[in-house]
Amino acid sequence: MFGSLGMPELIVIFVIALIIFGPRKLPELGRSLGKSIAEFKRASNELKSTLEEEIRLEEQKQRQEEAAKAAQITATATDAQHVQPAHQADKTA
């Protein structure tokens, strides 16, 4: 969780914080830090879920556009098949 910080480093940081802030202020600072970290995690999770939702909606929109194009191509090809025999009939007459 702390990366490359080991136990000796954490003890030194704790002792320095204890000297600077004192024993009465340290628990309050710990709670504040914990709340800040929790709020940051919540905000980052919310951002991540929003981005994933936007990506999902964009992919869905893209699939719908591709399906509409395919349907249009199919309809155009079907219309061309119906028109072509009538056009050829005019040439033979």
PDB file of N, CA and C in Angstrom:
ATOM      1  N   MET A   1       0.816  -1.186   0.000  1.00  0.00           N
ATOM      2  CA  MET A   1       0.000   0.000   0.000  1.00  0.00           C
ATOM      3  C   MET A   1       0.864   1.256   0.000  1.00  0.00           C
ATOM      4  N   PHE A   2       1.955   1.227   0.717  1.00  0.00           N
ATOM      5  CA  PHE A   2       2.806   2.402   0.825  1.00  0.00           C
ATOM      6  C   PHE A   2       3.957   2.372  -0.166  1.00  0.00           C
ATOM      7  N   GLY A   3       3.931   1.467  -1.105  1.00  0.00           N
ATOM      8  CA  GLY A   3       4.984   1.404  -2.105  1.00  0.00           C
ATOM      9  C   GLY A   3       6.275   0.868  -1.534  1.00  0.00           C
ATOM     10  N   SER A   4       7.340   1.648  -1.636  1.00  0.00           N
ATOM     11  CA  SER A   4       8.648   1.184  -1.177  1.00  0.00           C
ATOM     12  C   SER A   4       8.931   1.574   0.280  1.00  0.00           C
ATOM     13  N   LEU A   5       7.940   2.116   0.991  1.00  0.00           N
ATOM     14  CA  LEU A   5       8.139   2.447   2.402  1.00  0.00           C
ATOM     15  C   LEU A   5       8.063   1.187   3.247  1.00  0.00           C
ATOM     16  N   GLY A   6       9.082   0.987   4.041  1.00  0.00           N
ATOM     17  CA  GLY A   6       9.093  -0.159   4.938  1.00  0.00           C
ATOM     18  C   GLY A   6       8.699   0.268   6.344  1.00  0.00           C
ATOM     19  N   MET A   7       8.770  -0.663   7.270  1.00  0.00           N
ATOM     20  CA  MET A   7       8.391  -0.386   8.655  1.00  0.00           C
ATOM     21  C   MET A   7       9.292   0.672   9.304  1.00  0.00           C
ATOM     22  N   PRO A   8      10.622   0.620   9.112  1.00  0.00           N
ATOM     23  CA  PRO A   8      11.469   1.656   9.736  1.00  0.00           C
ATOM     24  C   PRO A   8      11.130   3.074   9.243  1.00  0.00           C
ATOM     25  N   GLU A   9      10.862   3.203   7.953  1.00  0.00           N
ATOM     26  CA  GLU A   9      10.512   4.511   7.408  1.00  0.00           C
ATOM     27  C   GLU A   9       9.203   5.022   7.989  1.00  0.00           C
ATOM     28  N   LEU A  10       8.210   4.137   8.121  1.00  0.00           N
ATOM     29  CA  LEU A  10       6.920   4.530   8.693  1.00  0.00           C
ATOM     30  C   LEU A  10       7.060   4.964  10.150  1.00  0.00           C
ATOM     31  N   ILE A  11       7.922   4.282  10.895  1.00  0.00           N
ATOM     32  CA  ILE A  11       8.153   4.654  12.304  1.00  0.00           C
ATOM     33  C   ILE A  11       8.789   6.036  12.392  1.00  0.00           C
ATOM     34  N   VAL A  12       9.752   6.304  11.536  1.00  0.00           N
ATOM     35  CA  VAL A  12      10.395   7.619  11.522  1.00  0.00           C
ATOM     36  C   VAL A  12       9.381   8.708  11.184  1.00  0.00           C
ATOM     37  N   ILE A  13       8.541   8.466  10.177  1.00  0.00           N
ATOM     38  CA  ILE A  13       7.509   9.441   9.799  1.00  0.00           C
ATOM     39  C   ILE A  13       6.552   9.662  10.957  1.00  0.00           C
ATOM     40  N   PHE A  14       6.129   8.603  11.621  1.00  0.00           N
ATOM     41  CA  PHE A  14       5.216   8.725  12.756  1.00  0.00           C
ATOM     42  C   PHE A  14       5.842   9.534  13.892  1.00  0.00           C
ATOM     43  N   VAL A  15       7.103   9.268  14.207  1.00  0.00           N
ATOM     44  CA  VAL A  15       7.796   9.997  15.285  1.00  0.00           C
ATOM     45  C   VAL A  15       7.906  11.480  14.927  1.00  0.00           C
ATOM     46  N   ILE A  16       8.265  11.785  13.699  1.00  0.00           N
ATOM     47  CA  ILE A  16       8.370  13.191  13.273  1.00  0.00           C
ATOM     48  C   ILE A  16       7.002  13.875  13.370  1.00  0.00           C
ATOM     49  N   ALA A  17       5.943  13.187  12.906  1.00  0.00           N
ATOM     50  CA  ALA A  17       4.597  13.751  12.997  1.00  0.00           C
ATOM     51  C   ALA A  17       4.198  13.950  14.454  1.00  0.00           C
ATOM     52  N   LEU A  18       4.540  13.032  15.315  1.00  0.00           N
ATOM     53  CA  LEU A  18       4.233  13.145  16.741  1.00  0.00           C
ATOM     54  C   LEU A  18       4.944  14.347  17.360  1.00  0.00           C
ATOM     55  N   ILE A  19       6.197  14.562  16.970  1.00  0.00           N
ATOM     56  CA  ILE A  19       6.956  15.705  17.485  1.00  0.00           C
ATOM     57  C   ILE A  19       6.363  17.021  16.970  1.00  0.00           C
ATOM     58  N   ILE A  20       6.033  17.063  15.681  1.00  0.00           N
ATOM     59  CA  ILE A  20       5.537  18.303  15.077  1.00  0.00           C
ATOM     60  C   ILE A  20       4.131  18.650  15.567  1.00  0.00           C
ATOM     61  N   PHE A  21       3.218  17.679  15.542  1.00  0.00           N
ATOM     62  CA  PHE A  21       1.812  17.981  15.827  1.00  0.00           C
ATOM     63  C   PHE A  21       1.398  17.683  17.269  1.00  0.00           C
ATOM     64  N   GLY A  22       2.111  16.870  17.952  1.00  0.00           N
ATOM     65  CA  GLY A  22       1.772  16.538  19.332  1.00  0.00           C
ATOM     66  C   GLY A  22       0.782  15.392  19.407  1.00  0.00           C
ATOM     67  N   PRO A  23       0.701  14.758  20.580  1.00  0.00           N
ATOM     68  CA  PRO A  23      -0.147  13.561  20.720  1.00  0.00           C
ATOM     69  C   PRO A  23      -1.647  13.874  20.649  1.00  0.00           C
ATOM     70  N   ARG A  24      -2.077  15.073  20.966  1.00  0.00           N
ATOM     71  CA  ARG A  24      -3.521  15.395  20.938  1.00  0.00           C
ATOM     72  C   ARG A  24      -4.010  15.673  19.518  1.00  0.00           C
ATOM     73  N   LYS A  25      -3.169  16.242  18.704  1.00  0.00           N
ATOM     74  CA  LYS A  25      -3.570  16.630  17.352  1.00  0.00           C
ATOM     75  C   LYS A  25      -3.438  15.477  16.351  1.00  0.00           C
ATOM     76  N   LEU A  26      -2.596  14.503  16.649  1.00  0.00           N
ATOM     77  CA  LEU A  26      -2.306  13.416  15.714  1.00  0.00           C
ATOM     78  C   LEU A  26      -3.537  12.575  15.344  1.00  0.00           C
ATOM     79  N   PRO A  27      -4.387  12.138  16.288  1.00  0.00           N
ATOM     80  CA  PRO A  27      -5.573  11.367  15.892  1.00  0.00           C
ATOM     81  C   PRO A  27      -6.516  12.161  14.982  1.00  0.00           C
ATOM     82  N   GLU A  28      -6.650  13.464  15.256  1.00  0.00           N
ATOM     83  CA  GLU A  28      -7.504  14.309  14.418  1.00  0.00           C
ATOM     84  C   GLU A  28      -6.955  14.404  12.995  1.00  0.00           C
ATOM     85  N   LEU A  29      -5.637  14.545  12.885  1.00  0.00           N
ATOM     86  CA  LEU A  29      -5.009  14.578  11.565  1.00  0.00           C
ATOM     87  C   LEU A  29      -5.189  13.242  10.827  1.00  0.00           C
ATOM     88  N   GLY A  30      -5.095  12.149  11.575  1.00  0.00           N
ATOM     89  CA  GLY A  30      -5.299  10.819  10.973  1.00  0.00           C
ATOM     90  C   GLY A  30      -6.707  10.656  10.421  1.00  0.00           C
ATOM     91  N   ARG A  31      -7.700  11.116  11.192  1.00  0.00           N
ATOM     92  CA  ARG A  31      -9.086  11.044  10.722  1.00  0.00           C
ATOM     93  C   ARG A  31      -9.283  11.907   9.479  1.00  0.00           C
ATOM     94  N   SER A  32      -8.727  13.106   9.503  1.00  0.00           N
ATOM     95  CA  SER A  32      -8.848  14.002   8.347  1.00  0.00           C
ATOM     96  C   SER A  32      -8.211  13.382   7.109  1.00  0.00           C
ATOM     97  N   LEU A  33      -7.046  12.804   7.302  1.00  0.00           N
ATOM     98  CA  LEU A  33      -6.362  12.153   6.189  1.00  0.00           C
ATOM     99  C   LEU A  33      -7.182  10.972   5.664  1.00  0.00           C
ATOM    100  N   GLY A  34      -7.731  10.187   6.560  1.00  0.00           N
ATOM    101  CA  GLY A  34      -8.572   9.052   6.155  1.00  0.00           C
ATOM    102  C   GLY A  34      -9.801   9.492   5.378  1.00  0.00           C
ATOM    103  N   LYS A  35     -10.450  10.557   5.851  1.00  0.00           N
ATOM    104  CA  LYS A  35     -11.622  11.080   5.147  1.00  0.00           C
ATOM    105  C   LYS A  35     -11.254  11.611   3.770  1.00  0.00           C
ATOM    106  N   SER A  36     -10.115  12.272   3.691  1.00  0.00           N
ATOM    107  CA  SER A  36      -9.654  12.805   2.400  1.00  0.00           C
ATOM    108  C   SER A  36      -9.377  11.683   1.412  1.00  0.00           C
ATOM    109  N   ILE A  37      -8.723  10.646   1.879  1.00  0.00           N
ATOM    110  CA  ILE A  37      -8.425   9.509   1.005  1.00  0.00           C
ATOM    111  C   ILE A  37      -9.711   8.827   0.554  1.00  0.00           C
ATOM    112  N   ALA A  38     -10.657   8.653   1.474  1.00  0.00           N
ATOM    113  CA  ALA A  38     -11.933   8.032   1.117  1.00  0.00           C
ATOM    114  C   ALA A  38     -12.685   8.878   0.098  1.00  0.00           C
ATOM    115  N   GLU A  39     -12.694  10.186   0.257  1.00  0.00           N
ATOM    116  CA  GLU A  39     -13.362  11.078  -0.697  1.00  0.00           C
ATOM    117  C   GLU A  39     -12.687  11.018  -2.062  1.00  0.00           C
ATOM    118  N   PHE A  40     -11.369  10.965  -2.065  1.00  0.00           N
ATOM    119  CA  PHE A  40     -10.634  10.854  -3.326  1.00  0.00           C
ATOM    120  C   PHE A  40     -10.972   9.549  -4.039  1.00  0.00           C
ATOM    121  N   LYS A  41     -11.017   8.447  -3.304  1.00  0.00           N
ATOM    122  CA  LYS A  41     -11.373   7.158  -3.907  1.00  0.00           C
ATOM    123  C   LYS A  41     -12.782   7.181  -4.462  1.00  0.00           C
ATOM    124  N   ARG A  42     -13.702   7.761  -3.709  1.00  0.00           N
ATOM    125  CA  ARG A  42     -15.088   7.839  -4.156  1.00  0.00           C
ATOM    126  C   ARG A  42     -15.191   8.664  -5.448  1.00  0.00           C
ATOM    127  N   ALA A  43     -14.500   9.812  -5.486  1.00  0.00           N
ATOM    128  CA  ALA A  43     -14.532  10.661  -6.677  1.00  0.00           C
ATOM    129  C   ALA A  43     -13.896   9.959  -7.878  1.00  0.00           C
ATOM    130  N   SER A  44     -12.782   9.265  -7.652  1.00  0.00           N
ATOM    131  CA  SER A  44     -12.135   8.572  -8.770  1.00  0.00           C
ATOM    132  C   SER A  44     -12.987   7.407  -9.267  1.00  0.00           C
ATOM    133  N   ASN A  45     -13.655   6.693  -8.371  1.00  0.00           N
ATOM    134  CA  ASN A  45     -14.559   5.619  -8.795  1.00  0.00           C
ATOM    135  C   ASN A  45     -15.741   6.175  -9.578  1.00  0.00           C
ATOM    136  N   GLU A  46     -16.251   7.313  -9.143  1.00  0.00           N
ATOM    137  CA  GLU A  46     -17.367   7.944  -9.850  1.00  0.00           C
ATOM    138  C   GLU A  46     -16.935   8.384 -11.248  1.00  0.00           C
ATOM    139  N   LEU A  47     -15.753   8.973 -11.345  1.00  0.00           N
ATOM    140  CA  LEU A  47     -15.227   9.375 -12.647  1.00  0.00           C
ATOM    141  C   LEU A  47     -15.032   8.161 -13.554  1.00  0.00           C
ATOM    142  N   LYS A  48     -14.495   7.089 -12.999  1.00  0.00           N
ATOM    143  CA  LYS A  48     -14.268   5.874 -13.774  1.00  0.00           C
ATOM    144  C   LYS A  48     -15.585   5.301 -14.292  1.00  0.00           C
ATOM    145  N   SER A  49     -16.603   5.239 -13.430  1.00  0.00           N
ATOM    146  CA  SER A  49     -17.894   4.695 -13.864  1.00  0.00           C
ATOM    147  C   SER A  49     -18.552   5.598 -14.902  1.00  0.00           C
ATOM    148  N   THR A  50     -18.390   6.921 -14.761  1.00  0.00           N
ATOM    149  CA  THR A  50     -18.948   7.844 -15.752  1.00  0.00           C
ATOM    150  C   THR A  50     -18.277   7.650 -17.105  1.00  0.00           C
ATOM    151  N   LEU A  51     -16.963   7.521 -17.104  1.00  0.00           N
ATOM    152  CA  LEU A  51     -16.242   7.298 -18.359  1.00  0.00           C
ATOM    153  C   LEU A  51     -16.646   5.976 -19.005  1.00  0.00           C
ATOM    154  N   GLU A  52     -16.768   4.924 -18.204  1.00  0.00           N
ATOM    155  CA  GLU A  52     -17.174   3.625 -18.742  1.00  0.00           C
ATOM    156  C   GLU A  52     -18.580   3.695 -19.332  1.00  0.00           C
ATOM    157  N   GLU A  53     -19.478   4.421 -18.683  1.00  0.00           N
ATOM    158  CA  GLU A  53     -20.847   4.582 -19.181  1.00  0.00           C
ATOM    159  C   GLU A  53     -20.848   5.346 -20.502  1.00  0.00           C
ATOM    160  N   GLU A  54     -20.061   6.405 -20.598  1.00  0.00           N
ATOM    161  CA  GLU A  54     -19.970   7.180 -21.839  1.00  0.00           C
ATOM    162  C   GLU A  54     -19.409   6.323 -22.977  1.00  0.00           C
ATOM    163  N   ILE A  55     -18.399   5.526 -22.681  1.00  0.00           N
ATOM    164  CA  ILE A  55     -17.823   4.645 -23.699  1.00  0.00           C
ATOM    165  C   ILE A  55     -18.853   3.620 -24.152  1.00  0.00           C
ATOM    166  N   ARG A  56     -19.598   3.060 -23.194  1.00  0.00           N
ATOM    167  CA  ARG A  56     -20.623   2.073 -23.537  1.00  0.00           C
ATOM    168  C   ARG A  56     -21.703   2.690 -24.421  1.00  0.00           C
ATOM    169  N   LEU A  57     -22.147   3.900 -24.088  1.00  0.00           N
ATOM    170  CA  LEU A  57     -23.170   4.574 -24.885  1.00  0.00           C
ATOM    171  C   LEU A  57     -22.655   4.895 -26.288  1.00  0.00           C
ATOM    172  N   GLU A  58     -21.400   5.314 -26.384  1.00  0.00           N
ATOM    173  CA  GLU A  58     -20.815   5.624 -27.687  1.00  0.00           C
ATOM    174  C   GLU A  58     -20.716   4.366 -28.551  1.00  0.00           C
ATOM    175  N   GLU A  59     -20.316   3.239 -27.956  1.00  0.00           N
ATOM    176  CA  GLU A  59     -20.240   1.982 -28.706  1.00  0.00           C
ATOM    177  C   GLU A  59     -21.625   1.538 -29.153  1.00  0.00           C
ATOM    178  N   GLN A  60     -22.614   1.709 -28.289  1.00  0.00           N
ATOM    179  CA  GLN A  60     -23.984   1.341 -28.641  1.00  0.00           C
ATOM    180  C   GLN A  60     -24.493   2.208 -29.797  1.00  0.00           C
ATOM    181  N   LYS A  61     -24.205   3.493 -29.754  1.00  0.00           N
ATOM    182  CA  LYS A  61     -24.608   4.405 -30.823  1.00  0.00           C
ATOM    183  C   LYS A  61     -23.941   4.012 -32.133  1.00  0.00           C
ATOM    184  N   GLN A  62     -22.661   3.654 -32.064  1.00  0.00           N
ATOM    185  CA  GLN A  62     -21.919   3.253 -33.248  1.00  0.00           C
ATOM    186  C   GLN A  62     -22.505   1.974 -33.854  1.00  0.00           C
ATOM    187  N   ARG A  63     -22.878   1.016 -32.999  1.00  0.00           N
ATOM    188  CA  ARG A  63     -23.497  -0.226 -33.498  1.00  0.00           C
ATOM    189  C   ARG A  63     -24.831   0.060 -34.165  1.00  0.00           C
ATOM    190  N   GLN A  64     -25.614   0.977 -33.595  1.00  0.00           N
ATOM    191  CA  GLN A  64     -26.901   1.324 -34.184  1.00  0.00           C
ATOM    192  C   GLN A  64     -26.709   1.980 -35.550  1.00  0.00           C
ATOM    193  N   GLU A  65     -25.709   2.856 -35.664  1.00  0.00           N
ATOM    194  CA  GLU A  65     -25.429   3.493 -36.950  1.00  0.00           C
ATOM    195  C   GLU A  65     -25.001   2.471 -37.989  1.00  0.00           C
ATOM    196  N   GLU A  66     -24.164   1.510 -37.584  1.00  0.00           N
ATOM    197  CA  GLU A  66     -23.723   0.465 -38.507  1.00  0.00           C
ATOM    198  C   GLU A  66     -24.900  -0.405 -38.941  1.00  0.00           C
ATOM    199  N   ALA A  67     -25.803  -0.709 -38.014  1.00  0.00           N
ATOM    200  CA  ALA A  67     -26.981  -1.510 -38.357  1.00  0.00           C
ATOM    201  C   ALA A  67     -27.885  -0.739 -39.316  1.00  0.00           C
ATOM    202  N   ALA A  68     -28.027   0.564 -39.094  1.00  0.00           N
ATOM    203  CA  ALA A  68     -28.855   1.380 -39.982  1.00  0.00           C
ATOM    204  C   ALA A  68     -28.247   1.439 -41.378  1.00  0.00           C
ATOM    205  N   LYS A  69     -26.911   1.569 -41.470  1.00  0.00           N
ATOM    206  CA  LYS A  69     -26.245   1.579 -42.771  1.00  0.00           C
ATOM    207  C   LYS A  69     -26.425   0.243 -43.481  1.00  0.00           C
ATOM    208  N   ALA A  70     -26.282  -0.849 -42.734  1.00  0.00           N
ATOM    209  CA  ALA A  70     -26.451  -2.180 -43.328  1.00  0.00           C
ATOM    210  C   ALA A  70     -27.879  -2.360 -43.832  1.00  0.00           C
ATOM    211  N   ALA A  71     -28.852  -1.890 -43.062  1.00  0.00           N
ATOM    212  CA  ALA A  71     -30.248  -1.992 -43.482  1.00  0.00           C
ATOM    213  C   ALA A  71     -30.488  -1.146 -44.726  1.00  0.00           C
ATOM    214  N   GLN A  72     -29.879   0.019 -44.790  1.00  0.00           N
ATOM    215  CA  GLN A  72     -30.034   0.893 -45.947  1.00  0.00           C
ATOM    216  C   GLN A  72     -29.410   0.254 -47.191  1.00  0.00           C
ATOM    217  N   ILE A  73     -28.243  -0.345 -47.020  1.00  0.00           N
ATOM    218  CA  ILE A  73     -27.585  -1.018 -48.145  1.00  0.00           C
ATOM    219  C   ILE A  73     -28.437  -2.194 -48.620  1.00  0.00           C
ATOM    220  N   THR A  74     -28.974  -2.947 -47.681  1.00  0.00           N
ATOM    221  CA  THR A  74     -29.831  -4.078 -48.036  1.00  0.00           C
ATOM    222  C   THR A  74     -31.078  -3.595 -48.766  1.00  0.00           C
ATOM    223  N   ALA A  75     -31.682  -2.532 -48.271  1.00  0.00           N
ATOM    224  CA  ALA A  75     -32.880  -1.992 -48.914  1.00  0.00           C
ATOM    225  C   ALA A  75     -32.554  -1.472 -50.309  1.00  0.00           C
ATOM    226  N   THR A  76     -31.426  -0.825 -50.472  1.00  0.00           N
ATOM    227  CA  THR A  76     -31.009  -0.307 -51.775  1.00  0.00           C
ATOM    228  C   THR A  76     -30.759  -1.458 -52.744  1.00  0.00           C
ATOM    229  N   ALA A  77     -30.109  -2.505 -52.268  1.00  0.00           N
ATOM    230  CA  ALA A  77     -29.834  -3.667 -53.122  1.00  0.00           C
ATOM    231  C   ALA A  77     -31.134  -4.354 -53.518  1.00  0.00           C
ATOM    232  N   THR A  78     -32.078  -4.461 -52.596  1.00  0.00           N
ATOM    233  CA  THR A  78     -33.370  -5.075 -52.884  1.00  0.00           C
ATOM    234  C   THR A  78     -34.137  -4.245 -53.903  1.00  0.00           C
ATOM    235  N   ASP A  79     -34.118  -2.930 -53.740  1.00  0.00           N
ATOM    236  CA  ASP A  79     -34.787  -2.050 -54.701  1.00  0.00           C
ATOM    237  C   ASP A  79     -34.143  -2.160 -56.073  1.00  0.00           C
ATOM    238  N   ALA A  80     -32.846  -2.263 -56.129  1.00  0.00           N
ATOM    239  CA  ALA A  80     -32.125  -2.374 -57.397  1.00  0.00           C
ATOM    240  C   ALA A  80     -32.480  -3.671 -58.108  1.00  0.00           C
ATOM    241  N   GLN A  81     -32.691  -4.747 -57.369  1.00  0.00           N
ATOM    242  CA  GLN A  81     -33.064  -6.026 -57.979  1.00  0.00           C
ATOM    243  C   GLN A  81     -34.467  -5.946 -58.567  1.00  0.00           C
ATOM    244  N   HIS A  82     -35.363  -5.223 -57.902  1.00  0.00           N
ATOM    245  CA  HIS A  82     -36.731  -5.086 -58.404  1.00  0.00           C
ATOM    246  C   HIS A  82     -36.775  -4.153 -59.611  1.00  0.00           C
ATOM    247  N   VAL A  83     -35.957  -3.161 -59.652  1.00  0.00           N
ATOM    248  CA  VAL A  83     -35.953  -2.194 -60.745  1.00  0.00           C
ATOM    249  C   VAL A  83     -35.235  -2.762 -61.951  1.00  0.00           C
ATOM    250  N   GLN A  84     -34.212  -3.527 -61.768  1.00  0.00           N
ATOM    251  CA  GLN A  84     -33.382  -4.024 -62.853  1.00  0.00           C
ATOM    252  C   GLN A  84     -34.166  -4.900 -63.839  1.00  0.00           C
ATOM    253  N   PRO A  85     -34.966  -5.856 -63.395  1.00  0.00           N
ATOM    254  CA  PRO A  85     -35.695  -6.658 -64.388  1.00  0.00           C
ATOM    255  C   PRO A  85     -36.663  -5.800 -65.203  1.00  0.00           C
ATOM    256  N   ALA A  86     -37.284  -4.826 -64.617  1.00  0.00           N
ATOM    257  CA  ALA A  86     -38.198  -3.966 -65.365  1.00  0.00           C
ATOM    258  C   ALA A  86     -37.421  -3.155 -66.375  1.00  0.00           C
ATOM    259  N   HIS A  87     -36.254  -2.705 -66.023  1.00  0.00           N
ATOM    260  CA  HIS A  87     -35.416  -1.922 -66.920  1.00  0.00           C
ATOM    261  C   HIS A  87     -34.958  -2.793 -68.075  1.00  0.00           C
ATOM    262  N   GLN A  88     -34.612  -4.049 -67.811  1.00  0.00           N
ATOM    263  CA  GLN A  88     -34.168  -4.969 -68.866  1.00  0.00           C
ATOM    264  C   GLN A  88     -35.337  -5.318 -69.783  1.00  0.00           C
ATOM    265  N   ALA A  89     -36.508  -5.359 -69.228  1.00  0.00           N
ATOM    266  CA  ALA A  89     -37.689  -5.644 -70.056  1.00  0.00           C
ATOM    267  C   ALA A  89     -37.894  -4.529 -71.066  1.00  0.00           C
ATOM    268  N   ASP A  90     -37.612  -3.290 -70.715  1.00  0.00           N
ATOM    269  CA  ASP A  90     -37.736  -2.177 -71.640  1.00  0.00           C
ATOM    270  C   ASP A  90     -36.735  -2.302 -72.784  1.00  0.00           C
ATOM    271  N   LYS A  91     -35.562  -2.812 -72.509  1.00  0.00           N
ATOM    272  CA  LYS A  91     -34.527  -2.959 -73.534  1.00  0.00           C
ATOM    273  C   LYS A  91     -34.897  -4.051 -74.533  1.00  0.00           C
ATOM    274  N   THR A  92     -35.548  -5.107 -74.055  1.00  0.00           N
ATOM    275  CA  THR A  92     -35.881  -6.219 -74.947  1.00  0.00           C
ATOM    276  C   THR A  92     -37.072  -5.874 -75.815  1.00  0.00           C
ATOM    277  N   ALA A  93     -37.883  -4.943 -75.432  1.00  0.00           N
ATOM    278  CA  ALA A  93     -39.080  -4.617 -76.209  1.00  0.00           C
ATOM    279  C   ALA A  93     -38.815  -3.742 -77.381  1.00  0.00           C
TER     280      ALA A  93
END
